[in-house]
Amino acid sequence: MAGQAPYEQYEELARQLSAVGAVKRDLGRILPADCSAGAAAVLALLDRHGDLRMSALSELLAVDMSVTSRHAAHLAERGWIERSHDPADKRSRILRLTPEGEAMLLELSRRSADLLAERLSDWTDAEVSQLIRLMTRLRASFGDCRSAPHRPPPTPPPVPVREPTTRTPAQAT
């Protein structure tokens, strides 16, 4: 059971997960100059979830609405998404992938797959499959990461220490 693993294993796992940042940076370097990692995330979410309100997209990205709005404006300028008024609430906008946005997603996917194939060329198919299974399981263990941050259980209050009593022989009887 994972809870029984030596604490040092969890410390090493934390170090290795921090090092995953280098992999993410490498993947970020292959993005086209006009497509930031945030923009790519918006495209991927619209592809996965379909048309979304700005507020729902902001929640999925776990960022402030102003950040989502900047991403949406950037993507709309490039023709990768279209923004329309929500018929149910004219103050809200619905975001939708365009065919150009779908083409960009295909290009991003191809670039990512090419880089991973190159970097993992000395891995077996079984090792890549195992990594996928374990990373999928790790992500599931953390949920969607939009819930309240994990807080360790509160430290129990200290147990009162009784002062040793010294009894005189007369008090002991």
C-alpha atoms as a PDB file:
ATOM      1  CA  MET A   1       0.000   0.000   0.000  1.00  0.00           C
ATOM      2  CA  ALA A   2       1.338   3.455  -0.936  1.00  0.00           C
ATOM      3  CA  GLY A   3       0.756   4.876   2.538  1.00  0.00           C
ATOM      4  CA  GLN A   4       3.266   2.367   3.889  1.00  0.00           C
ATOM      5  CA  ALA A   5       6.158   3.513   1.650  1.00  0.00           C
ATOM      6  CA  PRO A   6       9.172   4.975   3.399  1.00  0.00           C
ATOM      7  CA  TYR A   7       8.946   8.754   3.700  1.00  0.00           C
ATOM      8  CA  GLU A   8      12.168   9.103   1.688  1.00  0.00           C
ATOM      9  CA  GLN A   9      10.362   7.672  -1.349  1.00  0.00           C
ATOM     10  CA  TYR A  10       7.841  10.507  -1.230  1.00  0.00           C
ATOM     11  CA  GLU A  11      10.633  13.046  -0.921  1.00  0.00           C
ATOM     12  CA  GLU A  12      12.324  11.561  -4.014  1.00  0.00           C
ATOM     13  CA  LEU A  13       9.000  11.515  -5.866  1.00  0.00           C
ATOM     14  CA  ALA A  14       8.537  15.222  -5.072  1.00  0.00           C
ATOM     15  CA  ARG A  15      12.020  15.940  -6.490  1.00  0.00           C
ATOM     16  CA  GLN A  16      11.280  13.966  -9.652  1.00  0.00           C
ATOM     17  CA  LEU A  17       7.942  15.709 -10.141  1.00  0.00           C
ATOM     18  CA  SER A  18       9.687  19.070  -9.814  1.00  0.00           C
ATOM     19  CA  ALA A  19      12.082  17.957 -12.541  1.00  0.00           C
ATOM     20  CA  VAL A  20       9.107  17.372 -14.853  1.00  0.00           C
ATOM     21  CA  GLY A  21       9.235  21.144 -15.288  1.00  0.00           C
ATOM     22  CA  ALA A  22      12.203  20.619 -17.630  1.00  0.00           C
ATOM     23  CA  VAL A  23      10.068  18.357 -19.814  1.00  0.00           C
ATOM     24  CA  LYS A  24       7.281  20.953 -19.868  1.00  0.00           C
ATOM     25  CA  ARG A  25       9.778  23.692 -20.795  1.00  0.00           C
ATOM     26  CA  ASP A  26      11.068  21.569 -23.667  1.00  0.00           C
ATOM     27  CA  LEU A  27       7.521  20.993 -24.879  1.00  0.00           C
ATOM     28  CA  GLY A  28       6.918  24.749 -24.599  1.00  0.00           C
ATOM     29  CA  ARG A  29       9.905  25.484 -26.838  1.00  0.00           C
ATOM     30  CA  ILE A  30       8.317  23.665 -29.767  1.00  0.00           C
ATOM     31  CA  LEU A  31       5.187  25.842 -29.716  1.00  0.00           C
ATOM     32  CA  PRO A  32       4.797  28.294 -32.581  1.00  0.00           C
ATOM     33  CA  ALA A  33       5.875  31.829 -31.665  1.00  0.00           C
ATOM     34  CA  ASP A  34       2.275  33.072 -31.685  1.00  0.00           C
ATOM     35  CA  CYS A  35       0.900  30.227 -29.532  1.00  0.00           C
ATOM     36  CA  SER A  36       1.820  30.360 -25.850  1.00  0.00           C
ATOM     37  CA  ALA A  37       1.368  27.423 -23.496  1.00  0.00           C
ATOM     38  CA  GLY A  38      -1.709  29.164 -22.079  1.00  0.00           C
ATOM     39  CA  ALA A  39      -3.210  29.589 -25.537  1.00  0.00           C
ATOM     40  CA  ALA A  40      -2.504  25.938 -26.310  1.00  0.00           C
ATOM     41  CA  ALA A  41      -4.244  24.953 -23.056  1.00  0.00           C
ATOM     42  CA  VAL A  42      -7.338  26.948 -24.069  1.00  0.00           C
ATOM     43  CA  LEU A  43      -7.434  25.237 -27.473  1.00  0.00           C
ATOM     44  CA  ALA A  44      -7.059  21.810 -25.840  1.00  0.00           C
ATOM     45  CA  LEU A  45      -9.844  22.489 -23.335  1.00  0.00           C
ATOM     46  CA  LEU A  46     -12.224  23.706 -26.037  1.00  0.00           C
ATOM     47  CA  ASP A  47     -11.423  20.596 -28.037  1.00  0.00           C
ATOM     48  CA  ARG A  48     -12.060  18.340 -25.028  1.00  0.00           C
ATOM     49  CA  HIS A  49     -15.157  20.068 -23.638  1.00  0.00           C
ATOM     50  CA  GLY A  50     -16.712  21.722 -26.683  1.00  0.00           C
ATOM     51  CA  ASP A  51     -18.126  25.247 -26.595  1.00  0.00           C
ATOM     52  CA  LEU A  52     -17.550  26.904 -23.233  1.00  0.00           C
ATOM     53  CA  ARG A  53     -18.527  30.069 -21.432  1.00  0.00           C
ATOM     54  CA  MET A  54     -15.603  32.262 -20.485  1.00  0.00           C
ATOM     55  CA  SER A  55     -16.344  31.643 -16.802  1.00  0.00           C
ATOM     56  CA  ALA A  56     -16.289  27.846 -17.246  1.00  0.00           C
ATOM     57  CA  LEU A  57     -13.031  28.053 -19.190  1.00  0.00           C
ATOM     58  CA  SER A  58     -11.513  30.263 -16.500  1.00  0.00           C
ATOM     59  CA  GLU A  59     -12.502  27.689 -13.890  1.00  0.00           C
ATOM     60  CA  LEU A  60     -11.015  24.814 -15.913  1.00  0.00           C
ATOM     61  CA  LEU A  61      -7.778  26.755 -16.380  1.00  0.00           C
ATOM     62  CA  ALA A  62      -7.800  27.682 -12.670  1.00  0.00           C
ATOM     63  CA  VAL A  63      -6.890  31.277 -13.552  1.00  0.00           C
ATOM     64  CA  ASP A  64      -8.478  34.682 -13.120  1.00  0.00           C
ATOM     65  CA  MET A  65     -11.123  35.717 -15.646  1.00  0.00           C
ATOM     66  CA  SER A  66      -8.843  38.532 -16.889  1.00  0.00           C
ATOM     67  CA  VAL A  67      -6.180  35.970 -17.884  1.00  0.00           C
ATOM     68  CA  THR A  68      -8.789  33.883 -19.703  1.00  0.00           C
ATOM     69  CA  SER A  69     -10.042  36.996 -21.464  1.00  0.00           C
ATOM     70  CA  ARG A  70      -6.525  37.844 -22.712  1.00  0.00           C
ATOM     71  CA  HIS A  71      -6.047  34.286 -24.001  1.00  0.00           C
ATOM     72  CA  ALA A  72      -9.430  34.411 -25.746  1.00  0.00           C
ATOM     73  CA  ALA A  73      -8.647  37.758 -27.388  1.00  0.00           C
ATOM     74  CA  HIS A  74      -5.267  36.455 -28.599  1.00  0.00           C
ATOM     75  CA  LEU A  75      -6.818  33.277 -30.035  1.00  0.00           C
ATOM     76  CA  ALA A  76      -9.709  35.166 -31.662  1.00  0.00           C
ATOM     77  CA  GLU A  77      -7.257  37.573 -33.354  1.00  0.00           C
ATOM     78  CA  ARG A  78      -5.588  34.567 -34.983  1.00  0.00           C
ATOM     79  CA  GLY A  79      -8.901  33.058 -36.037  1.00  0.00           C
ATOM     80  CA  TRP A  80      -8.421  29.969 -33.864  1.00  0.00           C
ATOM     81  CA  ILE A  81     -11.591  30.544 -31.824  1.00  0.00           C
ATOM     82  CA  GLU A  82     -14.732  32.577 -32.224  1.00  0.00           C
ATOM     83  CA  ARG A  83     -16.487  34.407 -29.432  1.00  0.00           C
ATOM     84  CA  SER A  84     -20.232  34.867 -29.459  1.00  0.00           C
ATOM     85  CA  HIS A  85     -22.779  36.179 -26.989  1.00  0.00           C
ATOM     86  CA  ASP A  86     -24.424  33.573 -24.829  1.00  0.00           C
ATOM     87  CA  PRO A  87     -28.128  33.584 -25.761  1.00  0.00           C
ATOM     88  CA  ALA A  88     -29.017  32.789 -22.138  1.00  0.00           C
ATOM     89  CA  ASP A  89     -26.965  35.713 -20.770  1.00  0.00           C
ATOM     90  CA  LYS A  90     -25.913  38.495 -23.144  1.00  0.00           C
ATOM     91  CA  ARG A  91     -23.179  39.599 -20.717  1.00  0.00           C
ATOM     92  CA  SER A  92     -21.422  36.253 -21.107  1.00  0.00           C
ATOM     93  CA  ARG A  93     -19.405  34.983 -24.060  1.00  0.00           C
ATOM     94  CA  ILE A  94     -19.315  31.484 -25.539  1.00  0.00           C
ATOM     95  CA  LEU A  95     -15.997  30.337 -26.998  1.00  0.00           C
ATOM     96  CA  ARG A  96     -15.846  27.872 -29.890  1.00  0.00           C
ATOM     97  CA  LEU A  97     -12.963  26.316 -31.801  1.00  0.00           C
ATOM     98  CA  THR A  98     -12.778  27.233 -35.483  1.00  0.00           C
ATOM     99  CA  PRO A  99     -11.456  24.935 -38.209  1.00  0.00           C
ATOM    100  CA  GLU A 100      -8.221  26.967 -38.044  1.00  0.00           C
ATOM    101  CA  GLY A 101      -8.058  26.300 -34.299  1.00  0.00           C
ATOM    102  CA  GLU A 102      -8.565  22.594 -34.888  1.00  0.00           C
ATOM    103  CA  ALA A 103      -5.740  22.678 -37.461  1.00  0.00           C
ATOM    104  CA  MET A 104      -3.479  24.421 -34.935  1.00  0.00           C
ATOM    105  CA  LEU A 105      -4.312  21.752 -32.344  1.00  0.00           C
ATOM    106  CA  LEU A 106      -3.349  19.039 -34.816  1.00  0.00           C
ATOM    107  CA  GLU A 107      -0.046  20.820 -35.451  1.00  0.00           C
ATOM    108  CA  LEU A 108       0.615  21.164 -31.704  1.00  0.00           C
ATOM    109  CA  SER A 109      -0.167  17.487 -31.198  1.00  0.00           C
ATOM    110  CA  ARG A 110       2.168  16.478 -34.021  1.00  0.00           C
ATOM    111  CA  ARG A 111       5.002  18.604 -32.639  1.00  0.00           C
ATOM    112  CA  SER A 112       4.548  17.194 -29.126  1.00  0.00           C
ATOM    113  CA  ALA A 113       4.404  13.607 -30.343  1.00  0.00           C
ATOM    114  CA  ASP A 114       7.514  14.133 -32.508  1.00  0.00           C
ATOM    115  CA  LEU A 115       9.490  15.560 -29.580  1.00  0.00           C
ATOM    116  CA  LEU A 116       8.415  12.790 -27.214  1.00  0.00           C
ATOM    117  CA  ALA A 117       9.211  10.119 -29.816  1.00  0.00           C
ATOM    118  CA  GLU A 118      12.676  11.625 -30.226  1.00  0.00           C
ATOM    119  CA  ARG A 119      13.425  11.980 -26.497  1.00  0.00           C
ATOM    120  CA  LEU A 120      12.017   8.568 -25.574  1.00  0.00           C
ATOM    121  CA  SER A 121      13.519   6.704 -28.527  1.00  0.00           C
ATOM    122  CA  ASP A 122      15.528   4.469 -26.168  1.00  0.00           C
ATOM    123  CA  TRP A 123      12.390   3.474 -24.214  1.00  0.00           C
ATOM    124  CA  THR A 124      10.438   0.326 -25.016  1.00  0.00           C
ATOM    125  CA  ASP A 125       6.772   0.513 -25.966  1.00  0.00           C
ATOM    126  CA  ALA A 126       5.997  -1.239 -22.669  1.00  0.00           C
ATOM    127  CA  GLU A 127       7.889   1.443 -20.700  1.00  0.00           C
ATOM    128  CA  VAL A 128       6.027   4.261 -22.456  1.00  0.00           C
ATOM    129  CA  SER A 129       2.723   2.468 -21.795  1.00  0.00           C
ATOM    130  CA  GLN A 130       3.650   2.001 -18.138  1.00  0.00           C
ATOM    131  CA  LEU A 131       4.517   5.700 -17.800  1.00  0.00           C
ATOM    132  CA  ILE A 132       1.173   6.651 -19.326  1.00  0.00           C
ATOM    133  CA  ARG A 133      -0.701   4.335 -16.930  1.00  0.00           C
ATOM    134  CA  LEU A 134       1.160   5.631 -13.877  1.00  0.00           C
ATOM    135  CA  MET A 135       0.824   9.301 -14.824  1.00  0.00           C
ATOM    136  CA  THR A 136      -2.881   8.801 -15.507  1.00  0.00           C
ATOM    137  CA  ARG A 137      -3.259   7.196 -12.088  1.00  0.00           C
ATOM    138  CA  LEU A 138      -1.243   9.969 -10.407  1.00  0.00           C
ATOM    139  CA  ARG A 139      -3.405  12.621 -12.008  1.00  0.00           C
ATOM    140  CA  ALA A 140      -6.576  10.793 -10.953  1.00  0.00           C
ATOM    141  CA  SER A 141      -5.268  10.678  -7.365  1.00  0.00           C
ATOM    142  CA  PHE A 142      -5.030  14.469  -7.420  1.00  0.00           C
ATOM    143  CA  GLY A 143      -8.413  15.017  -9.069  1.00  0.00           C
ATOM    144  CA  ASP A 144      -8.902  18.104 -11.180  1.00  0.00           C
ATOM    145  CA  CYS A 145      -6.632  20.197  -8.920  1.00  0.00           C
ATOM    146  CA  ARG A 146      -9.282  22.902  -8.696  1.00  0.00           C
ATOM    147  CA  SER A 147     -10.525  21.887  -5.273  1.00  0.00           C
ATOM    148  CA  ALA A 148      -9.327  23.467  -2.073  1.00  0.00           C
ATOM    149  CA  PRO A 149      -5.646  22.866  -1.462  1.00  0.00           C
ATOM    150  CA  HIS A 150      -4.744  19.936   0.723  1.00  0.00           C
ATOM    151  CA  ARG A 151      -3.988  20.942   4.260  1.00  0.00           C
ATOM    152  CA  PRO A 152      -2.337  18.619   6.712  1.00  0.00           C
ATOM    153  CA  PRO A 153      -4.496  17.654   9.675  1.00  0.00           C
ATOM    154  CA  PRO A 154      -4.277  20.106  12.529  1.00  0.00           C
ATOM    155  CA  THR A 155      -1.681  19.404  15.154  1.00  0.00           C
ATOM    156  CA  PRO A 156      -3.409  18.003  18.205  1.00  0.00           C
ATOM    157  CA  PRO A 157      -3.193  20.190  21.281  1.00  0.00           C
ATOM    158  CA  PRO A 158      -0.370  19.288  23.604  1.00  0.00           C
ATOM    159  CA  VAL A 159      -1.204  16.848  26.335  1.00  0.00           C
ATOM    160  CA  PRO A 160      -0.986  18.649  29.656  1.00  0.00           C
ATOM    161  CA  VAL A 161       1.971  17.509  31.643  1.00  0.00           C
ATOM    162  CA  ARG A 162       1.262  16.971  35.277  1.00  0.00           C
ATOM    163  CA  GLU A 163       3.762  18.420  37.567  1.00  0.00           C
ATOM    164  CA  PRO A 164       5.248  15.769  39.777  1.00  0.00           C
ATOM    165  CA  THR A 165       3.870  16.126  43.215  1.00  0.00           C
ATOM    166  CA  THR A 166       6.086  15.772  46.138  1.00  0.00           C
ATOM    167  CA  ARG A 167       4.322  14.462  49.118  1.00  0.00           C
ATOM    168  CA  THR A 168       5.582  14.651  52.538  1.00  0.00           C
ATOM    169  CA  PRO A 169       5.396  11.455  54.540  1.00  0.00           C
ATOM    170  CA  ALA A 170       2.527  12.992  56.524  1.00  0.00           C
ATOM    171  CA  GLN A 171       0.492  13.641  53.294  1.00  0.00           C
ATOM    172  CA  ALA A 172       1.023  10.142  51.943  1.00  0.00           C
ATOM    173  CA  THR A 173      -0.955   8.545  54.771  1.00  0.00           C
END
